[in-house]
Amino acid sequence: MPHWVRSSIPIVEIVLSVILVALILLQSKGSGLSNVFGGEGNIYSTKRGAEKVVFIATIITAALFFGIALINATL
């Protein structure tokens, strides 16, 4: 593996971690602290529009972060 690829993996991992944190914070922006600790019982609702896009982007970013972390651990 070329040296530039090996040295850029930690940078990619840091960028992915910042994006992942931002996406997670965007998801929990609407929920209050009482909902986090089991306050109100909300009825199940489907994700639509931008909320669904952020949810799917979070899953994809987490999978990429996990893959890059495994690659970084094996090198």
N, C-alpha and C. Protein backbone atom coordinates (compact mmCIF):
# COMPACT_ATOMS: atom_id res chain seq x y z
N MET A 1 0.84 -1.17 0.00
CA MET A 1 0.00 0.00 0.00
C MET A 1 0.89 1.24 0.00
N PRO A 2 0.58 2.21 -0.86
CA PRO A 2 1.41 3.43 -0.90
C PRO A 2 1.37 4.20 0.42
N HIS A 3 2.44 4.92 0.64
CA HIS A 3 2.58 5.66 1.90
C HIS A 3 1.51 6.73 2.05
N TRP A 4 1.12 7.39 0.97
CA TRP A 4 0.14 8.47 1.06
C TRP A 4 -1.24 7.94 1.45
N VAL A 5 -1.54 6.70 1.06
CA VAL A 5 -2.81 6.10 1.45
C VAL A 5 -2.79 5.75 2.93
N ARG A 6 -1.70 5.19 3.38
CA ARG A 6 -1.56 4.80 4.78
C ARG A 6 -1.60 6.02 5.70
N SER A 7 -1.02 7.14 5.26
CA SER A 7 -1.01 8.32 6.11
C SER A 7 -2.32 9.11 6.04
N SER A 8 -3.15 8.86 5.03
CA SER A 8 -4.41 9.60 4.93
C SER A 8 -5.57 8.90 5.62
N ILE A 9 -5.41 7.64 6.00
CA ILE A 9 -6.49 6.90 6.66
C ILE A 9 -6.91 7.54 7.99
N PRO A 10 -5.97 7.95 8.86
CA PRO A 10 -6.41 8.62 10.10
C PRO A 10 -7.14 9.94 9.84
N ILE A 11 -6.75 10.66 8.80
CA ILE A 11 -7.42 11.92 8.47
C ILE A 11 -8.86 11.65 8.04
N VAL A 12 -9.04 10.62 7.21
CA VAL A 12 -10.39 10.24 6.77
C VAL A 12 -11.23 9.81 7.97
N GLU A 13 -10.61 9.10 8.89
CA GLU A 13 -11.33 8.65 10.08
C GLU A 13 -11.77 9.83 10.95
N ILE A 14 -10.94 10.83 11.09
CA ILE A 14 -11.29 12.02 11.87
C ILE A 14 -12.43 12.78 11.20
N VAL A 15 -12.36 12.94 9.88
CA VAL A 15 -13.42 13.63 9.15
C VAL A 15 -14.74 12.88 9.27
N LEU A 16 -14.70 11.56 9.13
CA LEU A 16 -15.92 10.77 9.28
C LEU A 16 -16.49 10.86 10.69
N SER A 17 -15.62 10.92 11.70
CA SER A 17 -16.12 11.02 13.07
C SER A 17 -16.82 12.36 13.31
N VAL A 18 -16.28 13.44 12.76
CA VAL A 18 -16.92 14.75 12.91
C VAL A 18 -18.27 14.76 12.20
N ILE A 19 -18.33 14.19 11.00
CA ILE A 19 -19.59 14.12 10.26
C ILE A 19 -20.60 13.27 11.02
N LEU A 20 -20.15 12.16 11.58
CA LEU A 20 -21.04 11.27 12.33
C LEU A 20 -21.61 11.95 13.56
N VAL A 21 -20.79 12.68 14.29
CA VAL A 21 -21.27 13.42 15.46
C VAL A 21 -22.30 14.47 15.05
N ALA A 22 -22.03 15.18 13.96
CA ALA A 22 -22.97 16.20 13.48
C ALA A 22 -24.30 15.58 13.08
N LEU A 23 -24.27 14.44 12.40
CA LEU A 23 -25.51 13.78 11.99
C LEU A 23 -26.30 13.28 13.19
N ILE A 24 -25.61 12.77 14.19
CA ILE A 24 -26.30 12.30 15.40
C ILE A 24 -26.93 13.48 16.14
N LEU A 25 -26.23 14.59 16.21
CA LEU A 25 -26.79 15.76 16.87
C LEU A 25 -27.98 16.33 16.11
N LEU A 26 -27.95 16.25 14.80
CA LEU A 26 -29.09 16.69 14.00
C LEU A 26 -30.32 15.84 14.27
N GLN A 27 -30.12 14.56 14.49
CA GLN A 27 -31.25 13.66 14.75
C GLN A 27 -31.90 13.94 16.09
N SER A 28 -31.11 14.19 17.11
CA SER A 28 -31.66 14.36 18.45
C SER A 28 -32.01 15.81 18.76
N LYS A 29 -31.96 16.70 17.77
CA LYS A 29 -32.24 18.10 18.00
C LYS A 29 -33.69 18.35 18.43
N GLY A 30 -34.63 17.59 17.88
CA GLY A 30 -36.03 17.80 18.19
C GLY A 30 -36.48 17.19 19.50
N SER A 31 -35.74 16.25 20.03
CA SER A 31 -36.18 15.57 21.25
C SER A 31 -35.61 16.26 22.48
N GLY A 32 -36.44 16.47 23.45
CA GLY A 32 -36.01 17.10 24.70
C GLY A 32 -35.32 16.11 25.60
N LEU A 33 -34.81 16.61 26.70
CA LEU A 33 -34.09 15.76 27.65
C LEU A 33 -35.03 14.77 28.33
N SER A 34 -36.29 15.15 28.50
CA SER A 34 -37.22 14.22 29.14
C SER A 34 -37.51 13.02 28.25
N ASN A 35 -37.51 13.23 26.93
CA ASN A 35 -37.74 12.11 26.01
C ASN A 35 -36.57 11.14 25.99
N VAL A 36 -35.38 11.65 26.22
CA VAL A 36 -34.21 10.79 26.22
C VAL A 36 -34.26 9.81 27.38
N PHE A 37 -34.74 10.26 28.53
CA PHE A 37 -34.78 9.41 29.71
C PHE A 37 -36.16 8.79 29.95
N GLY A 38 -36.96 8.66 28.90
CA GLY A 38 -38.23 7.96 29.00
C GLY A 38 -39.38 8.80 29.52
N GLY A 39 -39.41 10.06 29.16
CA GLY A 39 -40.48 10.95 29.60
C GLY A 39 -41.80 10.60 28.92
N GLU A 40 -42.17 11.34 27.93
CA GLU A 40 -43.44 11.12 27.24
C GLU A 40 -43.36 9.87 26.37
N GLY A 41 -44.46 9.14 26.32
CA GLY A 41 -44.52 7.98 25.45
C GLY A 41 -45.05 8.39 24.09
N ASN A 42 -44.17 8.50 23.12
CA ASN A 42 -44.59 8.90 21.78
C ASN A 42 -45.12 7.71 21.00
N ILE A 43 -46.08 7.97 20.16
CA ILE A 43 -46.61 6.95 19.28
C ILE A 43 -45.64 6.79 18.12
N TYR A 44 -45.51 5.57 17.63
CA TYR A 44 -44.59 5.28 16.53
C TYR A 44 -44.94 6.12 15.32
N SER A 45 -43.95 6.76 14.73
CA SER A 45 -44.17 7.53 13.51
C SER A 45 -43.05 7.22 12.52
N THR A 46 -43.38 7.27 11.28
CA THR A 46 -42.39 6.97 10.24
C THR A 46 -41.57 8.21 9.95
N LYS A 47 -40.34 7.97 9.51
CA LYS A 47 -39.46 9.07 9.14
C LYS A 47 -39.77 9.47 7.69
N ARG A 48 -39.85 10.76 7.45
CA ARG A 48 -40.14 11.24 6.11
C ARG A 48 -39.23 12.40 5.78
N GLY A 49 -38.99 12.58 4.50
CA GLY A 49 -38.26 13.74 4.01
C GLY A 49 -36.84 13.83 4.52
N ALA A 50 -36.49 15.01 5.03
CA ALA A 50 -35.12 15.28 5.47
C ALA A 50 -34.73 14.40 6.65
N GLU A 51 -35.69 14.08 7.52
CA GLU A 51 -35.39 13.24 8.67
C GLU A 51 -34.94 11.85 8.22
N LYS A 52 -35.55 11.34 7.18
CA LYS A 52 -35.18 10.02 6.65
C LYS A 52 -33.81 10.07 6.00
N VAL A 53 -33.52 11.16 5.28
CA VAL A 53 -32.22 11.31 4.63
C VAL A 53 -31.11 11.37 5.67
N VAL A 54 -31.32 12.13 6.76
CA VAL A 54 -30.32 12.23 7.82
C VAL A 54 -30.13 10.88 8.50
N PHE A 55 -31.22 10.14 8.70
CA PHE A 55 -31.15 8.82 9.33
C PHE A 55 -30.34 7.85 8.48
N ILE A 56 -30.60 7.81 7.19
CA ILE A 56 -29.86 6.91 6.29
C ILE A 56 -28.40 7.35 6.17
N ALA A 57 -28.16 8.66 6.10
CA ALA A 57 -26.78 9.16 6.03
C ALA A 57 -26.00 8.81 7.30
N THR A 58 -26.67 8.80 8.44
CA THR A 58 -26.02 8.42 9.70
C THR A 58 -25.60 6.96 9.67
N ILE A 59 -26.48 6.10 9.17
CA ILE A 59 -26.15 4.67 9.09
C ILE A 59 -24.99 4.44 8.14
N ILE A 60 -25.01 5.08 6.99
CA ILE A 60 -23.93 4.91 6.00
C ILE A 60 -22.61 5.44 6.56
N THR A 61 -22.65 6.61 7.20
CA THR A 61 -21.42 7.19 7.77
C THR A 61 -20.87 6.32 8.89
N ALA A 62 -21.74 5.75 9.71
CA ALA A 62 -21.28 4.86 10.78
C ALA A 62 -20.64 3.60 10.22
N ALA A 63 -21.21 3.06 9.15
CA ALA A 63 -20.63 1.87 8.53
C ALA A 63 -19.27 2.19 7.92
N LEU A 64 -19.16 3.34 7.25
CA LEU A 64 -17.87 3.75 6.69
C LEU A 64 -16.83 3.98 7.79
N PHE A 65 -17.25 4.61 8.88
CA PHE A 65 -16.33 4.85 9.99
C PHE A 65 -15.84 3.54 10.59
N PHE A 66 -16.75 2.58 10.74
CA PHE A 66 -16.37 1.28 11.28
C PHE A 66 -15.39 0.57 10.34
N GLY A 67 -15.65 0.63 9.05
CA GLY A 67 -14.75 0.00 8.08
C GLY A 67 -13.38 0.63 8.06
N ILE A 68 -13.32 1.95 8.09
CA ILE A 68 -12.04 2.65 8.11
C ILE A 68 -11.29 2.36 9.41
N ALA A 69 -12.03 2.26 10.52
CA ALA A 69 -11.37 1.94 11.80
C ALA A 69 -10.79 0.55 11.78
N LEU A 70 -11.47 -0.41 11.15
CA LEU A 70 -10.91 -1.76 11.03
C LEU A 70 -9.67 -1.77 10.14
N ILE A 71 -9.72 -1.03 9.05
CA ILE A 71 -8.55 -0.95 8.17
C ILE A 71 -7.38 -0.30 8.91
N ASN A 72 -7.67 0.76 9.66
CA ASN A 72 -6.62 1.45 10.42
C ASN A 72 -6.04 0.53 11.50
N ALA A 73 -6.85 -0.32 12.09
CA ALA A 73 -6.37 -1.22 13.14
C ALA A 73 -5.48 -2.34 12.58
N THR A 74 -5.77 -2.75 11.36
CA THR A 74 -5.00 -3.84 10.79
C THR A 74 -3.66 -3.39 10.19
N LEU A 75 -3.54 -2.09 9.93
CA LEU A 75 -2.26 -1.61 9.35
C LEU A 75 -1.23 -1.29 10.38
